[in-house]
Amino acid sequence: MFEQIAFYFFSVATIVLFLITAFSKNVLYAMSALAAGMVMISGFFFLLGADFLGAVQLVVYVGAVMALYAFGMMFFDATKDVKEKNASTTLVVLLGGSVALLLTLIFIAPILGANIEASYPPLEGATNPQSVGLILFTKYLIPFEVAALMLLVAMIAGIILAGKKMDISLTDIEEDIAISEEEEMILDEKDGEK
C-alpha cells in the first residue's frame, strides 16, 4: 500500500517538476525544478530496492544539474526578474508540512514492506553494486556505451554554443554603463555651473 502511494507521489511530482522545467521562463526556476525532478527519479530506484542506482542518481545527475545551475547564474542575470509573491504564509506552512509528512511516510514504507520478495532474485553472495555492474556490462553494454557517447556529444555541443555567446562580456557592458553614467553626472555638473 505504501509503495503504491509512494510510486504515485513520485510519478506526479516528477511529471509536474519536468513540466515546470520545460515551460518556465525563468532559468533559475527551471533548473531548480530540474534538480528536484532528478531527486524524485532517485526515489523510484529506492522504492525498487536499487539503493546503489538511487545514490548514483543523486550524486551524478543532481550534482550535474547543480553545476548547470551555477553556470546559469553566471551566464544569465536571472535574479532581476525574480519577484516572490507569498500572500499567505499559512498556505506555505501547510503545504510544506504536508509534503514533509508525505515524504516521511514514503521513506518509511520500504522498512515496513521488507518482507516483499524480488521477481528476479539476485546472484548468490553478490551485493547490489556487483549485480548492477554484472548486468550493466553484459546485457546492457551497448545501450550504456551509446548513452555515454550521447552525453559526450551533448557536452561538446554545450561548450561550443556557450563559446559563441561569449563574444560580449557582461562585465564590460556593466562597466561601460557605469562610465557613461559618471560622464552624464559630470556633464550635468558642468551645465549647472554655467
C-alpha atoms as a PDB file:
ATOM      1  CA  MET A   1       0.000   0.000   0.000  1.00  0.00           C
ATOM      2  CA  PHE A   2       2.726   2.467   0.978  1.00  0.00           C
ATOM      3  CA  GLU A   3       4.751   1.539  -2.106  1.00  0.00           C
ATOM      4  CA  GLN A   4       1.790   2.381  -4.354  1.00  0.00           C
ATOM      5  CA  ILE A   5       1.270   5.732  -2.666  1.00  0.00           C
ATOM      6  CA  ALA A   6       4.996   6.472  -2.949  1.00  0.00           C
ATOM      7  CA  PHE A   7       5.029   5.440  -6.605  1.00  0.00           C
ATOM      8  CA  TYR A   8       2.101   7.712  -7.485  1.00  0.00           C
ATOM      9  CA  PHE A   9       3.573  10.583  -5.487  1.00  0.00           C
ATOM     10  CA  PHE A  10       6.951  10.272  -7.207  1.00  0.00           C
ATOM     11  CA  SER A  11       5.245   9.930 -10.600  1.00  0.00           C
ATOM     12  CA  VAL A  12       3.088  13.031 -10.227  1.00  0.00           C
ATOM     13  CA  ALA A  13       5.910  15.051  -8.663  1.00  0.00           C
ATOM     14  CA  THR A  14       8.349  14.067 -11.422  1.00  0.00           C
ATOM     15  CA  ILE A  15       5.919  14.955 -14.207  1.00  0.00           C
ATOM     16  CA  VAL A  16       4.969  18.286 -12.604  1.00  0.00           C
ATOM     17  CA  LEU A  17       8.588  19.253 -11.968  1.00  0.00           C
ATOM     18  CA  PHE A  18       9.676  18.423 -15.516  1.00  0.00           C
ATOM     19  CA  LEU A  19       6.701  20.386 -16.894  1.00  0.00           C
ATOM     20  CA  ILE A  20       7.849  23.362 -14.807  1.00  0.00           C
ATOM     21  CA  THR A  21      11.328  22.832 -16.263  1.00  0.00           C
ATOM     22  CA  ALA A  22      10.010  22.835 -19.815  1.00  0.00           C
ATOM     23  CA  PHE A  23       7.611  25.767 -19.535  1.00  0.00           C
ATOM     24  CA  SER A  24       9.248  28.112 -17.018  1.00  0.00           C
ATOM     25  CA  LYS A  25      10.504  31.405 -18.413  1.00  0.00           C
ATOM     26  CA  ASN A  26      12.919  31.926 -15.532  1.00  0.00           C
ATOM     27  CA  VAL A  27      16.167  29.983 -15.896  1.00  0.00           C
ATOM     28  CA  LEU A  28      16.736  29.586 -12.159  1.00  0.00           C
ATOM     29  CA  TYR A  29      13.224  28.227 -11.570  1.00  0.00           C
ATOM     30  CA  ALA A  30      13.641  25.789 -14.455  1.00  0.00           C
ATOM     31  CA  MET A  31      16.963  24.470 -13.144  1.00  0.00           C
ATOM     32  CA  SER A  32      15.611  24.181  -9.588  1.00  0.00           C
ATOM     33  CA  ALA A  33      12.673  22.138 -10.888  1.00  0.00           C
ATOM     34  CA  LEU A  34      15.067  20.001 -12.953  1.00  0.00           C
ATOM     35  CA  ALA A  35      17.177  19.208  -9.879  1.00  0.00           C
ATOM     36  CA  ALA A  36      14.081  18.380  -7.830  1.00  0.00           C
ATOM     37  CA  GLY A  37      12.818  16.153 -10.647  1.00  0.00           C
ATOM     38  CA  MET A  38      16.087  14.242 -10.626  1.00  0.00           C
ATOM     39  CA  VAL A  39      15.726  13.735  -6.859  1.00  0.00           C
ATOM     40  CA  MET A  40      12.223  12.349  -7.439  1.00  0.00           C
ATOM     41  CA  ILE A  41      13.580   9.929 -10.053  1.00  0.00           C
ATOM     42  CA  SER A  42      16.047   8.619  -7.478  1.00  0.00           C
ATOM     43  CA  GLY A  43      13.029   7.881  -5.294  1.00  0.00           C
ATOM     44  CA  PHE A  44      11.894   5.308  -7.866  1.00  0.00           C
ATOM     45  CA  PHE A  45      15.216   3.495  -7.525  1.00  0.00           C
ATOM     46  CA  PHE A  46      14.978   3.462  -3.740  1.00  0.00           C
ATOM     47  CA  LEU A  47      11.438   2.088  -3.980  1.00  0.00           C
ATOM     48  CA  LEU A  48      12.675  -0.728  -6.213  1.00  0.00           C
ATOM     49  CA  GLY A  49      15.412  -1.632  -3.747  1.00  0.00           C
ATOM     50  CA  ALA A  50      18.211  -0.439  -6.024  1.00  0.00           C
ATOM     51  CA  ASP A  51      19.974   1.680  -3.425  1.00  0.00           C
ATOM     52  CA  PHE A  52      23.161   1.937  -5.467  1.00  0.00           C
ATOM     53  CA  LEU A  53      21.359   3.343  -8.519  1.00  0.00           C
ATOM     54  CA  GLY A  54      19.395   5.742  -6.326  1.00  0.00           C
ATOM     55  CA  ALA A  55      22.595   7.066  -4.784  1.00  0.00           C
ATOM     56  CA  VAL A  56      24.251   7.339  -8.211  1.00  0.00           C
ATOM     57  CA  GLN A  57      21.207   9.220  -9.497  1.00  0.00           C
ATOM     58  CA  LEU A  58      21.502  11.676  -6.624  1.00  0.00           C
ATOM     59  CA  VAL A  59      25.244  12.163  -6.840  1.00  0.00           C
ATOM     60  CA  VAL A  60      25.731  12.223 -10.610  1.00  0.00           C
ATOM     61  CA  TYR A  61      22.607  13.798 -12.057  1.00  0.00           C
ATOM     62  CA  VAL A  62      21.635  16.156  -9.245  1.00  0.00           C
ATOM     63  CA  GLY A  63      25.298  17.181  -8.969  1.00  0.00           C
ATOM     64  CA  ALA A  64      25.409  17.848 -12.705  1.00  0.00           C
ATOM     65  CA  VAL A  65      22.237  19.924 -12.537  1.00  0.00           C
ATOM     66  CA  MET A  66      23.694  21.932  -9.658  1.00  0.00           C
ATOM     67  CA  ALA A  67      26.782  22.634 -11.774  1.00  0.00           C
ATOM     68  CA  LEU A  68      24.428  23.692 -14.568  1.00  0.00           C
ATOM     69  CA  TYR A  69      22.627  25.895 -12.030  1.00  0.00           C
ATOM     70  CA  ALA A  70      25.882  27.603 -11.124  1.00  0.00           C
ATOM     71  CA  PHE A  71      26.732  28.238 -14.779  1.00  0.00           C
ATOM     72  CA  GLY A  72      23.202  29.524 -15.367  1.00  0.00           C
ATOM     73  CA  MET A  73      23.611  32.030 -12.564  1.00  0.00           C
ATOM     74  CA  MET A  74      26.914  33.154 -14.054  1.00  0.00           C
ATOM     75  CA  PHE A  75      25.771  33.471 -17.671  1.00  0.00           C
ATOM     76  CA  PHE A  76      22.258  34.846 -17.165  1.00  0.00           C
ATOM     77  CA  ASP A  77      21.262  37.726 -14.929  1.00  0.00           C
ATOM     78  CA  ALA A  78      18.072  35.950 -13.960  1.00  0.00           C
ATOM     79  CA  THR A  79      17.851  37.311 -10.426  1.00  0.00           C
ATOM     80  CA  LYS A  80      16.463  40.673 -11.553  1.00  0.00           C
ATOM     81  CA  ASP A  81      13.266  39.031 -12.861  1.00  0.00           C
ATOM     82  CA  VAL A  82      12.500  37.147  -9.646  1.00  0.00           C
ATOM     83  CA  LYS A  83       9.553  38.641  -7.789  1.00  0.00           C
ATOM     84  CA  GLU A  84       8.361  36.473  -4.921  1.00  0.00           C
ATOM     85  CA  LYS A  85       4.671  36.627  -4.099  1.00  0.00           C
ATOM     86  CA  ASN A  86       3.849  34.979  -0.771  1.00  0.00           C
ATOM     87  CA  ALA A  87       0.375  36.198   0.045  1.00  0.00           C
ATOM     88  CA  SER A  88      -0.406  33.539   2.654  1.00  0.00           C
ATOM     89  CA  THR A  89       2.247  32.164   4.989  1.00  0.00           C
ATOM     90  CA  THR A  90      -0.329  29.710   6.379  1.00  0.00           C
ATOM     91  CA  LEU A  91      -0.637  28.093   2.956  1.00  0.00           C
ATOM     92  CA  VAL A  92       3.149  27.795   2.668  1.00  0.00           C
ATOM     93  CA  VAL A  93       3.437  26.190   6.123  1.00  0.00           C
ATOM     94  CA  LEU A  94       0.503  23.849   5.442  1.00  0.00           C
ATOM     95  CA  LEU A  95       1.860  22.696   2.074  1.00  0.00           C
ATOM     96  CA  GLY A  96       5.411  22.346   3.400  1.00  0.00           C
ATOM     97  CA  GLY A  97       4.252  20.336   6.402  1.00  0.00           C
ATOM     98  CA  SER A  98       2.084  18.018   4.314  1.00  0.00           C
ATOM     99  CA  VAL A  99       4.924  17.386   1.838  1.00  0.00           C
ATOM    100  CA  ALA A 100       7.320  16.664   4.730  1.00  0.00           C
ATOM    101  CA  LEU A 101       4.820  14.240   6.280  1.00  0.00           C
ATOM    102  CA  LEU A 102       4.228  12.501   2.941  1.00  0.00           C
ATOM    103  CA  LEU A 103       7.968  12.157   2.260  1.00  0.00           C
ATOM    104  CA  THR A 104       8.483  10.725   5.749  1.00  0.00           C
ATOM    105  CA  LEU A 105       5.784   8.127   5.112  1.00  0.00           C
ATOM    106  CA  ILE A 106       7.286   7.303   1.724  1.00  0.00           C
ATOM    107  CA  PHE A 107      10.751   6.701   3.114  1.00  0.00           C
ATOM    108  CA  ILE A 108       9.377   4.602   5.991  1.00  0.00           C
ATOM    109  CA  ALA A 109       7.386   2.405   3.572  1.00  0.00           C
ATOM    110  CA  PRO A 110      10.341   0.242   2.404  1.00  0.00           C
ATOM    111  CA  ILE A 111      11.115  -0.616   6.007  1.00  0.00           C
ATOM    112  CA  LEU A 112       7.533  -1.717   6.544  1.00  0.00           C
ATOM    113  CA  GLY A 113       7.497  -3.668   3.269  1.00  0.00           C
ATOM    114  CA  ALA A 114      10.716  -5.574   3.904  1.00  0.00           C
ATOM    115  CA  ASN A 115       9.003  -8.951   3.507  1.00  0.00           C
ATOM    116  CA  ILE A 116       8.382  -8.427  -0.236  1.00  0.00           C
ATOM    117  CA  GLU A 117      10.488 -10.726  -2.423  1.00  0.00           C
ATOM    118  CA  ALA A 118      12.014  -9.713  -5.749  1.00  0.00           C
ATOM    119  CA  SER A 119      10.716 -11.213  -9.008  1.00  0.00           C
ATOM    120  CA  TYR A 120      14.270 -11.937 -10.150  1.00  0.00           C
ATOM    121  CA  PRO A 121      16.433 -12.958  -7.205  1.00  0.00           C
ATOM    122  CA  PRO A 122      19.993 -11.590  -7.293  1.00  0.00           C
ATOM    123  CA  LEU A 123      23.089 -13.738  -7.632  1.00  0.00           C
ATOM    124  CA  GLU A 124      24.141 -15.575  -4.515  1.00  0.00           C
ATOM    125  CA  GLY A 125      26.637 -13.576  -2.491  1.00  0.00           C
ATOM    126  CA  ALA A 126      26.582 -10.569  -4.819  1.00  0.00           C
ATOM    127  CA  THR A 127      25.980  -7.111  -3.419  1.00  0.00           C
ATOM    128  CA  ASN A 128      23.741  -4.547  -5.112  1.00  0.00           C
ATOM    129  CA  PRO A 129      26.607  -2.750  -6.934  1.00  0.00           C
ATOM    130  CA  GLN A 130      28.037  -6.078  -8.109  1.00  0.00           C
ATOM    131  CA  SER A 131      24.673  -7.181  -9.506  1.00  0.00           C
ATOM    132  CA  VAL A 132      24.197  -3.839 -11.261  1.00  0.00           C
ATOM    133  CA  GLY A 133      27.703  -3.974 -12.718  1.00  0.00           C
ATOM    134  CA  LEU A 134      27.275  -7.530 -13.949  1.00  0.00           C
ATOM    135  CA  ILE A 135      24.018  -6.773 -15.748  1.00  0.00           C
ATOM    136  CA  LEU A 136      25.159  -3.344 -16.962  1.00  0.00           C
ATOM    137  CA  PHE A 137      28.378  -4.585 -18.552  1.00  0.00           C
ATOM    138  CA  THR A 138      26.955  -7.776 -20.053  1.00  0.00           C
ATOM    139  CA  LYS A 139      23.319  -7.490 -21.120  1.00  0.00           C
ATOM    140  CA  TYR A 140      23.152  -3.681 -21.376  1.00  0.00           C
ATOM    141  CA  LEU A 141      26.683  -2.880 -22.562  1.00  0.00           C
ATOM    142  CA  ILE A 142      25.694  -1.401 -25.953  1.00  0.00           C
ATOM    143  CA  PRO A 143      22.955   0.940 -24.587  1.00  0.00           C
ATOM    144  CA  PHE A 144      25.349   2.008 -21.823  1.00  0.00           C
ATOM    145  CA  GLU A 145      28.047   2.947 -24.354  1.00  0.00           C
ATOM    146  CA  VAL A 146      25.521   4.717 -26.622  1.00  0.00           C
ATOM    147  CA  ALA A 147      24.287   6.770 -23.669  1.00  0.00           C
ATOM    148  CA  ALA A 148      27.882   7.692 -22.818  1.00  0.00           C
ATOM    149  CA  LEU A 149      28.523   8.862 -26.399  1.00  0.00           C
ATOM    150  CA  MET A 150      25.297  10.875 -26.429  1.00  0.00           C
ATOM    151  CA  LEU A 151      26.307  12.623 -23.198  1.00  0.00           C
ATOM    152  CA  LEU A 152      29.740  13.362 -24.660  1.00  0.00           C
ATOM    153  CA  VAL A 153      28.200  14.881 -27.809  1.00  0.00           C
ATOM    154  CA  ALA A 154      25.783  16.959 -25.701  1.00  0.00           C
ATOM    155  CA  MET A 155      28.658  18.243 -23.548  1.00  0.00           C
ATOM    156  CA  ILE A 156      30.738  19.244 -26.576  1.00  0.00           C
ATOM    157  CA  ALA A 157      27.730  20.944 -28.194  1.00  0.00           C
ATOM    158  CA  GLY A 158      27.044  22.863 -24.972  1.00  0.00           C
ATOM    159  CA  ILE A 159      30.633  24.072 -24.797  1.00  0.00           C
ATOM    160  CA  ILE A 160      30.536  25.187 -28.446  1.00  0.00           C
ATOM    161  CA  LEU A 161      27.219  27.011 -28.015  1.00  0.00           C
ATOM    162  CA  ALA A 162      28.373  28.697 -24.808  1.00  0.00           C
ATOM    163  CA  GLY A 163      31.607  29.763 -26.529  1.00  0.00           C
ATOM    164  CA  LYS A 164      29.709  31.502 -29.334  1.00  0.00           C
ATOM    165  CA  LYS A 165      27.827  33.660 -26.831  1.00  0.00           C
ATOM    166  CA  MET A 166      30.991  34.709 -25.006  1.00  0.00           C
ATOM    167  CA  ASP A 167      31.982  37.344 -27.569  1.00  0.00           C
ATOM    168  CA  ILE A 168      30.463  40.126 -25.461  1.00  0.00           C
ATOM    169  CA  SER A 169      31.319  40.208 -21.789  1.00  0.00           C
ATOM    170  CA  LEU A 170      28.592  41.304 -19.378  1.00  0.00           C
ATOM    171  CA  THR A 171      31.138  42.884 -17.044  1.00  0.00           C
ATOM    172  CA  ASP A 172      32.438  45.088 -19.863  1.00  0.00           C
ATOM    173  CA  ILE A 173      28.896  46.207 -20.644  1.00  0.00           C
ATOM    174  CA  GLU A 174      28.234  46.995 -16.973  1.00  0.00           C
ATOM    175  CA  GLU A 175      31.499  48.968 -16.754  1.00  0.00           C
ATOM    176  CA  ASP A 176      30.581  50.924 -19.911  1.00  0.00           C
ATOM    177  CA  ILE A 177      27.175  51.752 -18.440  1.00  0.00           C
ATOM    178  CA  ALA A 178      28.754  52.866 -15.154  1.00  0.00           C
ATOM    179  CA  ILE A 179      31.281  55.033 -17.035  1.00  0.00           C
ATOM    180  CA  SER A 180      28.578  56.633 -19.175  1.00  0.00           C
ATOM    181  CA  GLU A 181      26.505  57.399 -16.036  1.00  0.00           C
ATOM    182  CA  GLU A 182      29.549  59.073 -14.457  1.00  0.00           C
ATOM    183  CA  GLU A 183      30.107  61.107 -17.637  1.00  0.00           C
ATOM    184  CA  GLU A 184      26.461  62.228 -17.572  1.00  0.00           C
ATOM    185  CA  MET A 185      26.841  63.359 -13.949  1.00  0.00           C
ATOM    186  CA  ILE A 186      29.981  65.331 -14.830  1.00  0.00           C
ATOM    187  CA  LEU A 187      28.222  66.952 -17.801  1.00  0.00           C
ATOM    188  CA  ASP A 188      25.234  67.812 -15.610  1.00  0.00           C
ATOM    189  CA  GLU A 189      27.534  69.434 -13.043  1.00  0.00           C
ATOM    190  CA  LYS A 190      29.230  71.484 -15.776  1.00  0.00           C
ATOM    191  CA  ASP A 191      25.837  72.584 -17.117  1.00  0.00           C
ATOM    192  CA  GLY A 192      24.809  73.601 -13.579  1.00  0.00           C
ATOM    193  CA  GLU A 193      27.956  75.749 -13.184  1.00  0.00           C
ATOM    194  CA  LYS A 194      27.168  77.759 -16.357  1.00  0.00           C
END
